[in-house]
Amino acid sequence: MTGIMKLKIGGQERTLRFNNFSAIELAKIIYNGEQANFETDDLLDRIMKLNEENHYLLIKTLVYAGLIGNDYVVGFKKTATSEQVGDWIAELNGEEIYSVWNTFWKYMGVDLPAITELESTTNSVAEKKN
């Protein structure tokens, strides 16, 4: 299963494609030279740990991996550097960030609730507390 989305970053609309190419790029970043273990939940655990440490760093990593996933499908050349992606994501709004997050998890086989469902649940919990 692949997750494909369009995202306007760096002054143009770009395609993020979560696939085996992006998974390898993601693992290179997440494992930082260590032996990646794709047979366990270790990669997902590390992704969630990175999310806890710095959400924007994780989004930067996902966007970069998604760009690489598309780059290698349509050619053999990277169209952006990790540093460029870091500059670009600083301007993303919450909906765009959620879209990246949701597309990645769909690729991983997890269906996240829609933002409106999350907001409704959050509001319902807040009302019950009052």
N, C-alpha and C. Protein backbone atom coordinates (compact mmCIF):
# COMPACT_ATOMS: atom_id res chain seq x y z
N MET A 1 0.85 -1.17 0.00
CA MET A 1 0.00 0.00 0.00
C MET A 1 0.89 1.24 0.00
N THR A 2 0.56 2.21 -0.82
CA THR A 2 1.31 3.45 -0.82
C THR A 2 0.41 4.60 -0.40
N GLY A 3 1.02 5.60 0.17
CA GLY A 3 0.31 6.83 0.53
C GLY A 3 0.88 7.95 -0.31
N ILE A 4 0.05 8.57 -1.10
CA ILE A 4 0.51 9.64 -1.98
C ILE A 4 -0.30 10.89 -1.69
N MET A 5 0.39 12.02 -1.61
CA MET A 5 -0.29 13.29 -1.39
C MET A 5 0.48 14.41 -2.06
N LYS A 6 -0.19 15.51 -2.27
CA LYS A 6 0.44 16.73 -2.79
C LYS A 6 0.55 17.72 -1.64
N LEU A 7 1.64 18.47 -1.63
CA LEU A 7 1.86 19.45 -0.57
C LEU A 7 2.60 20.63 -1.19
N LYS A 8 2.09 21.83 -0.95
CA LYS A 8 2.77 23.02 -1.47
C LYS A 8 3.84 23.44 -0.47
N ILE A 9 5.08 23.20 -0.84
CA ILE A 9 6.24 23.59 -0.03
C ILE A 9 7.34 24.05 -0.96
N GLY A 10 8.18 24.93 -0.45
CA GLY A 10 9.29 25.42 -1.28
C GLY A 10 8.82 26.16 -2.51
N GLY A 11 7.65 26.78 -2.42
CA GLY A 11 7.15 27.58 -3.53
C GLY A 11 6.50 26.80 -4.65
N GLN A 12 6.34 25.50 -4.49
CA GLN A 12 5.66 24.72 -5.53
C GLN A 12 4.96 23.51 -4.94
N GLU A 13 4.02 22.99 -5.71
CA GLU A 13 3.33 21.78 -5.27
C GLU A 13 4.24 20.59 -5.53
N ARG A 14 4.43 19.80 -4.50
CA ARG A 14 5.31 18.62 -4.60
C ARG A 14 4.54 17.38 -4.19
N THR A 15 4.97 16.25 -4.70
CA THR A 15 4.33 14.98 -4.36
C THR A 15 5.14 14.27 -3.29
N LEU A 16 4.44 13.86 -2.24
CA LEU A 16 5.03 12.98 -1.23
C LEU A 16 4.48 11.59 -1.50
N ARG A 17 5.35 10.62 -1.52
CA ARG A 17 4.92 9.25 -1.79
C ARG A 17 5.56 8.35 -0.74
N PHE A 18 4.72 7.80 0.13
CA PHE A 18 5.22 6.87 1.15
C PHE A 18 5.17 5.47 0.56
N ASN A 19 6.34 4.88 0.44
CA ASN A 19 6.50 3.58 -0.21
C ASN A 19 7.78 2.94 0.33
N ASN A 20 8.26 1.90 -0.32
CA ASN A 20 9.48 1.24 0.16
C ASN A 20 10.70 2.17 0.10
N PHE A 21 10.76 3.02 -0.92
CA PHE A 21 11.88 3.98 -1.01
C PHE A 21 11.86 4.93 0.18
N SER A 22 10.69 5.46 0.50
CA SER A 22 10.60 6.40 1.62
C SER A 22 10.85 5.68 2.95
N ALA A 23 10.40 4.42 3.05
CA ALA A 23 10.62 3.66 4.29
C ALA A 23 12.12 3.47 4.56
N ILE A 24 12.87 3.21 3.51
CA ILE A 24 14.32 3.04 3.67
C ILE A 24 14.96 4.36 4.07
N GLU A 25 14.53 5.45 3.46
CA GLU A 25 15.07 6.77 3.81
C GLU A 25 14.70 7.13 5.25
N LEU A 26 13.48 6.84 5.63
CA LEU A 26 13.03 7.09 7.00
C LEU A 26 13.86 6.28 7.99
N ALA A 27 14.09 5.02 7.68
CA ALA A 27 14.89 4.16 8.56
C ALA A 27 16.32 4.67 8.69
N LYS A 28 16.90 5.16 7.58
CA LYS A 28 18.26 5.71 7.65
C LYS A 28 18.33 6.85 8.65
N ILE A 29 17.30 7.70 8.63
CA ILE A 29 17.28 8.86 9.53
C ILE A 29 16.99 8.42 10.96
N ILE A 30 15.97 7.60 11.13
CA ILE A 30 15.53 7.18 12.47
C ILE A 30 16.59 6.34 13.17
N TYR A 31 17.24 5.45 12.43
CA TYR A 31 18.24 4.56 13.04
C TYR A 31 19.64 5.17 13.08
N ASN A 32 19.86 6.25 12.34
CA ASN A 32 21.13 6.97 12.39
C ASN A 32 22.36 6.06 12.35
N GLY A 33 22.41 5.20 11.36
CA GLY A 33 23.57 4.34 11.18
C GLY A 33 23.47 2.99 11.87
N GLU A 34 22.52 2.80 12.78
CA GLU A 34 22.34 1.50 13.42
C GLU A 34 21.65 0.56 12.44
N GLN A 35 21.71 -0.73 12.72
CA GLN A 35 21.03 -1.72 11.90
C GLN A 35 19.52 -1.58 12.08
N ALA A 36 18.80 -1.29 11.01
CA ALA A 36 17.34 -1.15 11.08
C ALA A 36 16.70 -2.51 11.26
N ASN A 37 15.65 -2.56 12.06
CA ASN A 37 14.93 -3.80 12.31
C ASN A 37 13.48 -3.62 11.86
N PHE A 38 13.17 -4.05 10.64
CA PHE A 38 11.84 -3.87 10.08
C PHE A 38 10.87 -4.97 10.52
N GLU A 39 11.37 -6.03 11.16
CA GLU A 39 10.51 -7.15 11.53
C GLU A 39 9.78 -6.94 12.85
N THR A 40 10.09 -5.90 13.57
CA THR A 40 9.44 -5.65 14.85
C THR A 40 8.78 -4.28 14.83
N ASP A 41 8.20 -3.93 15.94
CA ASP A 41 7.59 -2.61 16.07
C ASP A 41 8.62 -1.55 16.42
N ASP A 42 9.89 -1.90 16.39
CA ASP A 42 10.94 -0.97 16.80
C ASP A 42 10.92 0.32 15.99
N LEU A 43 10.72 0.24 14.68
CA LEU A 43 10.69 1.45 13.85
C LEU A 43 9.54 2.36 14.30
N LEU A 44 8.36 1.78 14.49
CA LEU A 44 7.22 2.59 14.93
C LEU A 44 7.46 3.18 16.32
N ASP A 45 8.08 2.41 17.19
CA ASP A 45 8.41 2.92 18.53
C ASP A 45 9.36 4.11 18.42
N ARG A 46 10.34 4.01 17.55
CA ARG A 46 11.28 5.10 17.38
C ARG A 46 10.62 6.33 16.76
N ILE A 47 9.69 6.09 15.83
CA ILE A 47 8.95 7.20 15.22
C ILE A 47 8.15 7.93 16.30
N MET A 48 7.47 7.17 17.14
CA MET A 48 6.66 7.79 18.20
C MET A 48 7.54 8.49 19.23
N LYS A 49 8.71 7.94 19.50
CA LYS A 49 9.64 8.59 20.43
C LYS A 49 10.11 9.93 19.85
N LEU A 50 10.44 9.94 18.55
CA LEU A 50 10.84 11.18 17.90
C LEU A 50 9.70 12.20 17.93
N ASN A 51 8.48 11.73 17.75
CA ASN A 51 7.32 12.62 17.82
C ASN A 51 7.22 13.26 19.21
N GLU A 52 7.46 12.48 20.25
CA GLU A 52 7.41 13.02 21.61
C GLU A 52 8.53 14.03 21.85
N GLU A 53 9.71 13.76 21.29
CA GLU A 53 10.86 14.64 21.49
C GLU A 53 10.69 15.96 20.75
N ASN A 54 10.24 15.88 19.48
CA ASN A 54 10.11 17.09 18.67
C ASN A 54 9.22 16.79 17.47
N HIS A 55 7.98 17.22 17.57
CA HIS A 55 6.99 16.92 16.54
C HIS A 55 7.42 17.46 15.16
N TYR A 56 7.97 18.66 15.13
CA TYR A 56 8.38 19.24 13.84
C TYR A 56 9.55 18.50 13.22
N LEU A 57 10.42 17.96 14.04
CA LEU A 57 11.53 17.17 13.50
C LEU A 57 10.98 15.90 12.85
N LEU A 58 9.97 15.30 13.47
CA LEU A 58 9.35 14.12 12.86
C LEU A 58 8.66 14.50 11.55
N ILE A 59 7.92 15.60 11.53
CA ILE A 59 7.25 16.03 10.30
C ILE A 59 8.29 16.30 9.21
N LYS A 60 9.38 16.97 9.57
CA LYS A 60 10.46 17.21 8.60
C LYS A 60 10.95 15.87 8.03
N THR A 61 11.15 14.90 8.91
CA THR A 61 11.64 13.58 8.49
C THR A 61 10.64 12.90 7.57
N LEU A 62 9.35 12.96 7.91
CA LEU A 62 8.33 12.33 7.08
C LEU A 62 8.21 13.02 5.72
N VAL A 63 8.23 14.34 5.71
CA VAL A 63 8.14 15.08 4.44
C VAL A 63 9.34 14.75 3.56
N TYR A 64 10.53 14.78 4.15
CA TYR A 64 11.73 14.47 3.38
C TYR A 64 11.67 13.03 2.83
N ALA A 65 11.29 12.07 3.67
CA ALA A 65 11.20 10.68 3.22
C ALA A 65 10.15 10.55 2.12
N GLY A 66 9.02 11.25 2.26
CA GLY A 66 7.98 11.21 1.22
C GLY A 66 8.45 11.79 -0.10
N LEU A 67 9.22 12.87 -0.02
CA LEU A 67 9.79 13.46 -1.25
C LEU A 67 10.74 12.47 -1.92
N ILE A 68 11.60 11.84 -1.12
CA ILE A 68 12.54 10.86 -1.66
C ILE A 68 11.78 9.69 -2.28
N GLY A 69 10.71 9.24 -1.60
CA GLY A 69 9.89 8.15 -2.15
C GLY A 69 9.37 8.46 -3.53
N ASN A 70 8.95 9.71 -3.74
CA ASN A 70 8.47 10.11 -5.06
C ASN A 70 9.63 10.29 -6.04
N ASP A 71 10.70 10.93 -5.58
CA ASP A 71 11.86 11.17 -6.45
C ASP A 71 12.38 9.87 -7.07
N TYR A 72 12.45 8.82 -6.27
CA TYR A 72 13.01 7.57 -6.76
C TYR A 72 12.03 6.78 -7.63
N VAL A 73 10.74 7.09 -7.52
CA VAL A 73 9.76 6.46 -8.41
C VAL A 73 9.84 7.11 -9.79
N VAL A 74 9.95 8.44 -9.82
CA VAL A 74 9.93 9.14 -11.11
C VAL A 74 11.31 9.35 -11.70
N GLY A 75 12.35 9.08 -10.96
CA GLY A 75 13.72 9.26 -11.44
C GLY A 75 14.71 8.72 -10.44
N PHE A 76 15.94 9.19 -10.53
CA PHE A 76 16.98 8.68 -9.64
C PHE A 76 17.70 9.80 -8.90
N LYS A 77 17.09 10.96 -8.88
CA LYS A 77 17.74 12.14 -8.33
C LYS A 77 16.89 12.78 -7.25
N LYS A 78 17.50 13.14 -6.13
CA LYS A 78 16.80 13.84 -5.07
C LYS A 78 16.53 15.28 -5.51
N THR A 79 15.30 15.75 -5.26
CA THR A 79 14.93 17.10 -5.68
C THR A 79 15.04 18.12 -4.55
N ALA A 80 15.33 17.65 -3.33
CA ALA A 80 15.44 18.57 -2.19
C ALA A 80 16.39 17.97 -1.16
N THR A 81 16.97 18.85 -0.38
CA THR A 81 17.82 18.39 0.72
C THR A 81 17.01 18.41 2.02
N SER A 82 17.51 17.73 3.01
CA SER A 82 16.88 17.73 4.32
C SER A 82 16.81 19.14 4.90
N GLU A 83 17.85 19.91 4.65
CA GLU A 83 17.89 21.29 5.15
C GLU A 83 16.80 22.15 4.51
N GLN A 84 16.60 21.98 3.20
CA GLN A 84 15.55 22.73 2.51
C GLN A 84 14.18 22.37 3.08
N VAL A 85 13.95 21.09 3.31
CA VAL A 85 12.68 20.65 3.87
C VAL A 85 12.47 21.27 5.24
N GLY A 86 13.53 21.37 6.03
CA GLY A 86 13.43 22.01 7.34
C GLY A 86 12.95 23.44 7.24
N ASP A 87 13.46 24.18 6.26
CA ASP A 87 12.99 25.55 6.04
C ASP A 87 11.53 25.57 5.59
N TRP A 88 11.17 24.67 4.71
CA TRP A 88 9.84 24.67 4.12
C TRP A 88 8.75 24.33 5.13
N ILE A 89 8.99 23.37 6.01
CA ILE A 89 7.91 22.93 6.90
C ILE A 89 7.56 23.96 7.96
N ALA A 90 8.46 24.91 8.18
CA ALA A 90 8.18 25.95 9.18
C ALA A 90 6.93 26.75 8.82
N GLU A 91 6.54 26.72 7.56
CA GLU A 91 5.38 27.50 7.11
C GLU A 91 4.12 26.66 6.95
N LEU A 92 4.17 25.37 7.29
CA LEU A 92 2.99 24.53 7.16
C LEU A 92 1.98 24.85 8.25
N ASN A 93 0.70 24.78 7.91
CA ASN A 93 -0.33 24.97 8.93
C ASN A 93 -0.72 23.61 9.52
N GLY A 94 -1.55 23.63 10.54
CA GLY A 94 -1.94 22.41 11.23
C GLY A 94 -2.62 21.39 10.34
N GLU A 95 -3.46 21.85 9.43
CA GLU A 95 -4.15 20.94 8.52
C GLU A 95 -3.17 20.24 7.59
N GLU A 96 -2.19 20.97 7.09
CA GLU A 96 -1.18 20.37 6.21
C GLU A 96 -0.33 19.36 6.97
N ILE A 97 0.03 19.69 8.19
CA ILE A 97 0.82 18.76 9.01
C ILE A 97 0.01 17.49 9.27
N TYR A 98 -1.27 17.65 9.62
CA TYR A 98 -2.13 16.50 9.84
C TYR A 98 -2.23 15.65 8.58
N SER A 99 -2.30 16.29 7.43
CA SER A 99 -2.41 15.56 6.17
C SER A 99 -1.18 14.69 5.93
N VAL A 100 0.01 15.23 6.22
CA VAL A 100 1.24 14.44 6.09
C VAL A 100 1.19 13.26 7.05
N TRP A 101 0.85 13.55 8.30
CA TRP A 101 0.79 12.54 9.35
C TRP A 101 -0.21 11.44 8.97
N ASN A 102 -1.39 11.84 8.53
CA ASN A 102 -2.44 10.90 8.17
C ASN A 102 -2.05 10.05 6.96
N THR A 103 -1.45 10.67 5.95
CA THR A 103 -1.03 9.92 4.75
C THR A 103 0.03 8.90 5.11
N PHE A 104 0.97 9.29 5.97
CA PHE A 104 2.00 8.34 6.40
C PHE A 104 1.37 7.15 7.12
N TRP A 105 0.46 7.42 8.06
CA TRP A 105 -0.14 6.32 8.82
C TRP A 105 -1.02 5.44 7.94
N LYS A 106 -1.68 6.01 6.94
CA LYS A 106 -2.45 5.18 6.01
C LYS A 106 -1.52 4.22 5.28
N TYR A 107 -0.35 4.73 4.88
CA TYR A 107 0.65 3.85 4.25
C TYR A 107 1.04 2.72 5.20
N MET A 108 1.11 3.04 6.49
CA MET A 108 1.49 2.04 7.50
C MET A 108 0.32 1.11 7.85
N GLY A 109 -0.88 1.39 7.28
CA GLY A 109 -2.03 0.53 7.53
C GLY A 109 -2.88 0.96 8.71
N VAL A 110 -2.69 2.20 9.18
CA VAL A 110 -3.45 2.72 10.32
C VAL A 110 -4.34 3.86 9.81
N ASP A 111 -5.64 3.78 10.10
CA ASP A 111 -6.56 4.82 9.67
C ASP A 111 -6.85 5.74 10.85
N LEU A 112 -6.40 6.98 10.78
CA LEU A 112 -6.60 7.95 11.84
C LEU A 112 -7.96 8.62 11.70
N PRO A 113 -8.56 9.04 12.81
CA PRO A 113 -9.83 9.78 12.71
C PRO A 113 -9.60 11.13 12.05
N ALA A 114 -10.62 11.64 11.41
CA ALA A 114 -10.53 12.95 10.77
C ALA A 114 -10.36 14.03 11.83
N ILE A 115 -9.82 15.17 11.44
CA ILE A 115 -9.61 16.28 12.37
C ILE A 115 -10.92 16.67 13.03
N THR A 116 -12.02 16.71 12.28
CA THR A 116 -13.30 17.10 12.86
C THR A 116 -13.73 16.10 13.92
N GLU A 117 -13.45 14.82 13.71
CA GLU A 117 -13.76 13.81 14.72
C GLU A 117 -12.91 14.04 15.96
N LEU A 118 -11.63 14.36 15.77
CA LEU A 118 -10.75 14.61 16.90
C LEU A 118 -11.23 15.84 17.68
N GLU A 119 -11.58 16.89 16.96
CA GLU A 119 -12.06 18.11 17.62
C GLU A 119 -13.35 17.83 18.37
N SER A 120 -14.25 17.06 17.79
CA SER A 120 -15.52 16.72 18.42
C SER A 120 -15.28 15.93 19.70
N THR A 121 -14.38 14.96 19.64
CA THR A 121 -14.05 14.16 20.81
C THR A 121 -13.43 15.02 21.89
N THR A 122 -12.51 15.89 21.51
CA THR A 122 -11.85 16.79 22.46
C THR A 122 -12.87 17.70 23.13
N ASN A 123 -13.77 18.28 22.34
CA ASN A 123 -14.81 19.16 22.89
C ASN A 123 -15.73 18.40 23.83
N SER A 124 -16.08 17.17 23.46
CA SER A 124 -16.96 16.35 24.29
C SER A 124 -16.31 16.04 25.64
N VAL A 125 -15.03 15.71 25.62
CA VAL A 125 -14.30 15.42 26.86
C VAL A 125 -14.21 16.67 27.72
N ALA A 126 -13.94 17.81 27.10
CA ALA A 126 -13.83 19.06 27.84
C ALA A 126 -15.16 19.42 28.50
N GLU A 127 -16.27 19.19 27.77
CA GLU A 127 -17.59 19.49 28.32
C GLU A 127 -17.91 18.60 29.52
N LYS A 128 -17.50 17.34 29.44
CA LYS A 128 -17.76 16.41 30.53
C LYS A 128 -16.96 16.79 31.78
N LYS A 129 -15.78 17.36 31.60
CA LYS A 129 -14.94 17.76 32.73
C LYS A 129 -15.56 18.94 33.45
N ASN A 130 -16.26 19.80 32.72
CA ASN A 130 -16.87 20.99 33.33
C ASN A 130 -18.10 20.60 34.02
